[in-house]
N, C-alpha and C. Protein backbone atom coordinates (compact mmCIF):
# COMPACT_ATOMS: atom_id res chain seq x y z
N MET A 1 0.84 -1.17 0.00
CA MET A 1 0.00 0.00 0.00
C MET A 1 0.89 1.24 0.00
N ASP A 2 0.65 2.15 -0.93
CA ASP A 2 1.42 3.39 -1.01
C ASP A 2 0.83 4.45 -0.07
N ILE A 3 1.66 5.41 0.29
CA ILE A 3 1.18 6.52 1.10
C ILE A 3 0.01 7.19 0.36
N PRO A 4 -1.09 7.47 1.04
CA PRO A 4 -2.26 8.05 0.36
C PRO A 4 -1.96 9.42 -0.24
N ALA A 5 -2.48 9.68 -1.43
CA ALA A 5 -2.24 10.95 -2.12
C ALA A 5 -2.77 12.14 -1.31
N TRP A 6 -3.84 11.94 -0.53
CA TRP A 6 -4.40 13.05 0.23
C TRP A 6 -3.47 13.53 1.34
N VAL A 7 -2.47 12.71 1.70
CA VAL A 7 -1.50 13.10 2.72
C VAL A 7 -0.47 14.08 2.15
N LEU A 8 -0.25 14.02 0.85
CA LEU A 8 0.81 14.80 0.20
C LEU A 8 0.30 16.22 -0.10
N VAL A 9 0.18 17.03 0.94
CA VAL A 9 -0.45 18.34 0.85
C VAL A 9 0.52 19.48 0.55
N HIS A 10 1.81 19.22 0.55
CA HIS A 10 2.80 20.25 0.28
C HIS A 10 3.51 19.96 -1.05
N GLU A 11 4.21 20.97 -1.54
CA GLU A 11 5.05 20.78 -2.72
C GLU A 11 6.36 21.53 -2.49
N VAL A 12 7.47 20.86 -2.73
CA VAL A 12 8.79 21.47 -2.63
C VAL A 12 9.45 21.38 -4.00
N ALA A 13 10.48 22.18 -4.19
CA ALA A 13 11.29 22.10 -5.41
C ALA A 13 12.58 21.37 -5.06
N VAL A 14 12.95 20.40 -5.87
CA VAL A 14 14.16 19.61 -5.65
C VAL A 14 15.15 19.88 -6.77
N LYS A 15 16.39 20.23 -6.40
CA LYS A 15 17.48 20.34 -7.37
C LYS A 15 18.44 19.19 -7.07
N PRO A 16 18.41 18.12 -7.88
CA PRO A 16 19.24 16.96 -7.58
C PRO A 16 20.73 17.24 -7.79
N LEU A 17 21.54 16.75 -6.87
CA LEU A 17 22.99 16.87 -6.99
C LEU A 17 23.47 15.90 -8.05
N LEU A 18 24.18 16.42 -9.06
CA LEU A 18 24.72 15.57 -10.13
C LEU A 18 26.17 15.21 -9.89
N GLY A 19 26.89 16.06 -9.16
CA GLY A 19 28.31 15.81 -8.92
C GLY A 19 29.00 17.11 -8.54
N GLU A 20 30.33 17.10 -8.66
CA GLU A 20 31.10 18.29 -8.35
C GLU A 20 32.02 18.61 -9.51
N GLY A 21 32.19 19.90 -9.76
CA GLY A 21 33.09 20.37 -10.80
C GLY A 21 34.13 21.29 -10.21
N SER A 22 34.89 21.96 -11.05
CA SER A 22 35.96 22.83 -10.58
C SER A 22 35.41 24.04 -9.82
N ASN A 23 34.16 24.39 -10.05
CA ASN A 23 33.55 25.54 -9.37
C ASN A 23 32.58 25.12 -8.26
N GLY A 24 32.61 23.87 -7.86
CA GLY A 24 31.74 23.42 -6.78
C GLY A 24 30.71 22.41 -7.23
N LYS A 25 29.63 22.33 -6.49
CA LYS A 25 28.59 21.33 -6.75
C LYS A 25 27.82 21.67 -8.02
N ILE A 26 27.40 20.61 -8.74
CA ILE A 26 26.62 20.76 -9.96
C ILE A 26 25.25 20.13 -9.71
N TYR A 27 24.21 20.92 -9.96
CA TYR A 27 22.84 20.47 -9.73
C TYR A 27 22.10 20.34 -11.05
N GLY A 28 21.18 19.39 -11.09
CA GLY A 28 20.32 19.21 -12.24
C GLY A 28 19.16 20.19 -12.19
N PRO A 29 18.31 20.15 -13.21
CA PRO A 29 17.15 21.04 -13.23
C PRO A 29 16.20 20.74 -12.07
N SER A 30 15.60 21.79 -11.56
CA SER A 30 14.65 21.67 -10.45
C SER A 30 13.38 20.96 -10.90
N PHE A 31 12.83 20.14 -10.01
CA PHE A 31 11.54 19.50 -10.29
C PHE A 31 10.67 19.55 -9.03
N PRO A 32 9.33 19.60 -9.22
CA PRO A 32 8.43 19.66 -8.07
C PRO A 32 8.25 18.28 -7.44
N LEU A 33 8.09 18.26 -6.13
CA LEU A 33 7.85 17.01 -5.41
C LEU A 33 6.65 17.21 -4.49
N LYS A 34 5.58 16.47 -4.74
CA LYS A 34 4.42 16.47 -3.84
C LYS A 34 4.81 15.66 -2.60
N CYS A 35 4.54 16.21 -1.43
CA CYS A 35 4.99 15.56 -0.20
C CYS A 35 4.19 16.07 0.99
N MET A 36 4.48 15.48 2.13
CA MET A 36 4.05 16.04 3.41
C MET A 36 5.34 16.50 4.08
N ALA A 37 5.43 17.77 4.39
CA ALA A 37 6.64 18.33 4.99
C ALA A 37 6.42 18.57 6.48
N GLN A 38 7.40 18.17 7.28
CA GLN A 38 7.34 18.39 8.72
C GLN A 38 8.62 19.10 9.15
N GLY A 39 8.47 20.30 9.68
CA GLY A 39 9.61 20.98 10.28
C GLY A 39 9.81 20.43 11.68
N ASN A 40 10.91 19.76 11.89
CA ASN A 40 11.20 19.19 13.20
C ASN A 40 12.71 19.08 13.36
N VAL A 41 13.15 19.06 14.59
CA VAL A 41 14.58 18.92 14.87
C VAL A 41 14.80 17.53 15.42
N ARG A 42 15.66 16.77 14.73
CA ARG A 42 15.97 15.43 15.22
C ARG A 42 17.38 15.04 14.78
N ARG A 43 17.98 14.18 15.56
CA ARG A 43 19.31 13.67 15.21
C ARG A 43 19.13 12.42 14.37
N ILE A 44 19.90 12.36 13.28
CA ILE A 44 19.86 11.19 12.40
C ILE A 44 21.29 10.81 12.04
N ARG A 45 21.44 9.69 11.37
CA ARG A 45 22.74 9.30 10.83
C ARG A 45 22.71 9.55 9.33
N ASN A 46 23.76 10.21 8.83
CA ASN A 46 23.83 10.46 7.39
C ASN A 46 24.41 9.23 6.69
N THR A 47 24.64 9.34 5.39
CA THR A 47 25.11 8.18 4.62
C THR A 47 26.51 7.74 5.00
N GLU A 48 27.28 8.61 5.68
CA GLU A 48 28.62 8.23 6.15
C GLU A 48 28.59 7.66 7.57
N GLY A 49 27.42 7.66 8.20
CA GLY A 49 27.29 7.14 9.55
C GLY A 49 27.48 8.17 10.64
N ASP A 50 27.67 9.44 10.26
CA ASP A 50 27.84 10.51 11.24
C ASP A 50 26.48 10.94 11.78
N THR A 51 26.45 11.36 13.04
CA THR A 51 25.23 11.90 13.63
C THR A 51 25.13 13.37 13.23
N VAL A 52 24.01 13.74 12.62
CA VAL A 52 23.77 15.11 12.16
C VAL A 52 22.36 15.53 12.59
N VAL A 53 22.08 16.82 12.50
CA VAL A 53 20.77 17.34 12.88
C VAL A 53 19.96 17.66 11.63
N SER A 54 18.77 17.09 11.57
CA SER A 54 17.83 17.36 10.49
C SER A 54 16.75 18.30 11.01
N THR A 55 16.38 19.30 10.19
CA THR A 55 15.33 20.24 10.60
C THR A 55 14.09 20.16 9.72
N LEU A 56 14.12 19.29 8.70
CA LEU A 56 12.99 19.13 7.80
C LEU A 56 12.91 17.67 7.37
N THR A 57 11.73 17.09 7.49
CA THR A 57 11.48 15.73 7.01
C THR A 57 10.36 15.78 5.99
N LEU A 58 10.59 15.13 4.85
CA LEU A 58 9.60 15.05 3.78
C LEU A 58 9.16 13.61 3.62
N PHE A 59 7.87 13.41 3.42
CA PHE A 59 7.32 12.10 3.11
C PHE A 59 6.67 12.21 1.74
N ALA A 60 7.08 11.35 0.81
CA ALA A 60 6.60 11.43 -0.58
C ALA A 60 6.25 10.04 -1.07
N ALA A 61 5.72 9.98 -2.29
CA ALA A 61 5.37 8.69 -2.90
C ALA A 61 6.61 7.80 -2.97
N PRO A 62 6.44 6.49 -2.92
CA PRO A 62 7.58 5.58 -2.94
C PRO A 62 8.34 5.62 -4.27
N GLY A 63 9.60 5.20 -4.20
CA GLY A 63 10.42 5.09 -5.40
C GLY A 63 11.09 6.37 -5.84
N GLN A 64 11.18 7.37 -4.97
CA GLN A 64 11.75 8.67 -5.34
C GLN A 64 13.17 8.88 -4.81
N ALA A 65 13.66 8.00 -3.95
CA ALA A 65 14.94 8.23 -3.28
C ALA A 65 16.10 8.39 -4.26
N ASP A 66 16.12 7.62 -5.33
CA ASP A 66 17.22 7.71 -6.30
C ASP A 66 17.25 9.06 -7.00
N ALA A 67 16.10 9.72 -7.14
CA ALA A 67 16.02 11.02 -7.80
C ALA A 67 16.42 12.17 -6.88
N ILE A 68 16.60 11.86 -5.57
CA ILE A 68 16.92 12.89 -4.58
C ILE A 68 18.15 12.44 -3.79
N PRO A 69 19.32 12.42 -4.43
CA PRO A 69 20.51 11.92 -3.73
C PRO A 69 20.98 12.87 -2.62
N THR A 70 21.76 12.33 -1.71
CA THR A 70 22.38 13.12 -0.65
C THR A 70 23.12 14.30 -1.27
N GLY A 71 22.94 15.48 -0.69
CA GLY A 71 23.59 16.68 -1.20
C GLY A 71 22.70 17.51 -2.11
N SER A 72 21.55 16.96 -2.52
CA SER A 72 20.60 17.73 -3.33
C SER A 72 20.06 18.89 -2.51
N LEU A 73 19.44 19.85 -3.19
CA LEU A 73 18.82 20.98 -2.51
C LEU A 73 17.31 20.87 -2.59
N VAL A 74 16.65 21.16 -1.48
CA VAL A 74 15.19 21.19 -1.41
C VAL A 74 14.79 22.62 -1.04
N THR A 75 13.93 23.23 -1.84
CA THR A 75 13.45 24.57 -1.53
C THR A 75 12.10 24.45 -0.82
N TRP A 76 12.08 24.94 0.42
CA TRP A 76 10.87 24.87 1.25
C TRP A 76 10.70 26.21 1.94
N ARG A 77 9.55 26.82 1.74
CA ARG A 77 9.22 28.11 2.34
C ARG A 77 10.29 29.17 2.04
N GLY A 78 10.75 29.18 0.80
CA GLY A 78 11.66 30.22 0.34
C GLY A 78 13.13 30.01 0.63
N GLY A 79 13.48 28.92 1.30
CA GLY A 79 14.88 28.67 1.62
C GLY A 79 15.34 27.32 1.12
N ASP A 80 16.62 27.24 0.73
CA ASP A 80 17.19 25.98 0.28
C ASP A 80 17.75 25.21 1.47
N ARG A 81 17.50 23.91 1.47
CA ARG A 81 18.03 23.03 2.51
C ARG A 81 18.72 21.85 1.84
N GLU A 82 19.83 21.44 2.40
CA GLU A 82 20.59 20.34 1.82
C GLU A 82 20.04 19.00 2.31
N VAL A 83 19.89 18.07 1.39
CA VAL A 83 19.41 16.73 1.72
C VAL A 83 20.53 15.96 2.42
N LEU A 84 20.21 15.42 3.59
CA LEU A 84 21.16 14.61 4.36
C LEU A 84 21.07 13.14 3.98
N VAL A 85 19.85 12.67 3.78
CA VAL A 85 19.63 11.27 3.41
C VAL A 85 18.23 11.15 2.81
N SER A 86 18.10 10.24 1.86
CA SER A 86 16.81 9.97 1.21
C SER A 86 16.66 8.46 1.12
N VAL A 87 15.54 7.93 1.63
CA VAL A 87 15.36 6.48 1.74
C VAL A 87 13.96 6.09 1.30
N ASP A 88 13.87 5.00 0.53
CA ASP A 88 12.58 4.41 0.20
C ASP A 88 12.21 3.39 1.26
N HIS A 89 10.99 3.48 1.79
CA HIS A 89 10.50 2.53 2.78
C HIS A 89 9.51 1.58 2.11
N ASP A 90 9.79 0.29 2.16
CA ASP A 90 8.95 -0.75 1.58
C ASP A 90 8.24 -1.47 2.72
N ASP A 91 6.95 -1.75 2.54
CA ASP A 91 6.19 -2.38 3.63
C ASP A 91 6.46 -3.86 3.80
N GLY A 92 7.17 -4.48 2.87
CA GLY A 92 7.48 -5.90 2.98
C GLY A 92 6.24 -6.77 3.01
N GLY A 93 5.15 -6.27 2.45
CA GLY A 93 3.91 -7.04 2.42
C GLY A 93 3.05 -6.91 3.66
N LEU A 94 3.42 -6.02 4.58
CA LEU A 94 2.67 -5.87 5.84
C LEU A 94 1.47 -4.93 5.73
N GLY A 95 1.36 -4.20 4.63
CA GLY A 95 0.23 -3.31 4.46
C GLY A 95 0.40 -1.92 5.04
N THR A 96 1.61 -1.59 5.50
CA THR A 96 1.86 -0.23 5.98
C THR A 96 2.21 0.66 4.78
N PRO A 97 2.04 1.97 4.90
CA PRO A 97 2.28 2.84 3.74
C PRO A 97 3.73 2.84 3.27
N GLN A 98 3.93 2.48 2.02
CA GLN A 98 5.25 2.57 1.39
C GLN A 98 5.45 4.03 1.00
N HIS A 99 6.67 4.54 1.23
CA HIS A 99 6.92 5.94 0.94
C HIS A 99 8.41 6.22 0.84
N THR A 100 8.74 7.42 0.39
CA THR A 100 10.10 7.92 0.41
C THR A 100 10.21 8.93 1.54
N GLU A 101 11.25 8.80 2.35
CA GLU A 101 11.50 9.76 3.43
C GLU A 101 12.79 10.51 3.12
N VAL A 102 12.73 11.83 3.19
CA VAL A 102 13.88 12.69 2.92
C VAL A 102 14.14 13.53 4.16
N ALA A 103 15.37 13.49 4.68
CA ALA A 103 15.76 14.32 5.81
C ALA A 103 16.71 15.39 5.29
N ALA A 104 16.45 16.65 5.66
CA ALA A 104 17.26 17.77 5.19
C ALA A 104 17.63 18.68 6.35
N GLN A 105 18.72 19.46 6.15
CA GLN A 105 19.17 20.42 7.17
C GLN A 105 18.33 21.66 7.11
C-alpha cells in the first residue's frame, strides 16, 4: 500500500545533486515534489554514519529516493536546505504505507 495521495499536501522544489566540478557542486534542473513536509529537529545518521541534525522531514510517494541523492537541494518556504539522506520505505507485504523519506538540514 502506497502513502495516500491526500497526505501529500505540500510541494517542494528539488534540485538533484549531479556531482562536483571545478567551481563546486553541480545540480540538475529543479523538479516539483508532492509531499508532506514536517519541520522538526531530530538527530539522524547520514550516509557516512555521522550523527547530524535534520530540521525538515519530507514524506513522498515511494520510489523517489534515487532522484533525490544526498547533497541535493530542497526549496521549502523560500529557503534551500541540503538533503542529508533519502530512503525508500517498503512495507514488505505488511500493508503499511510505502513511501520515500527525505531528511534535510
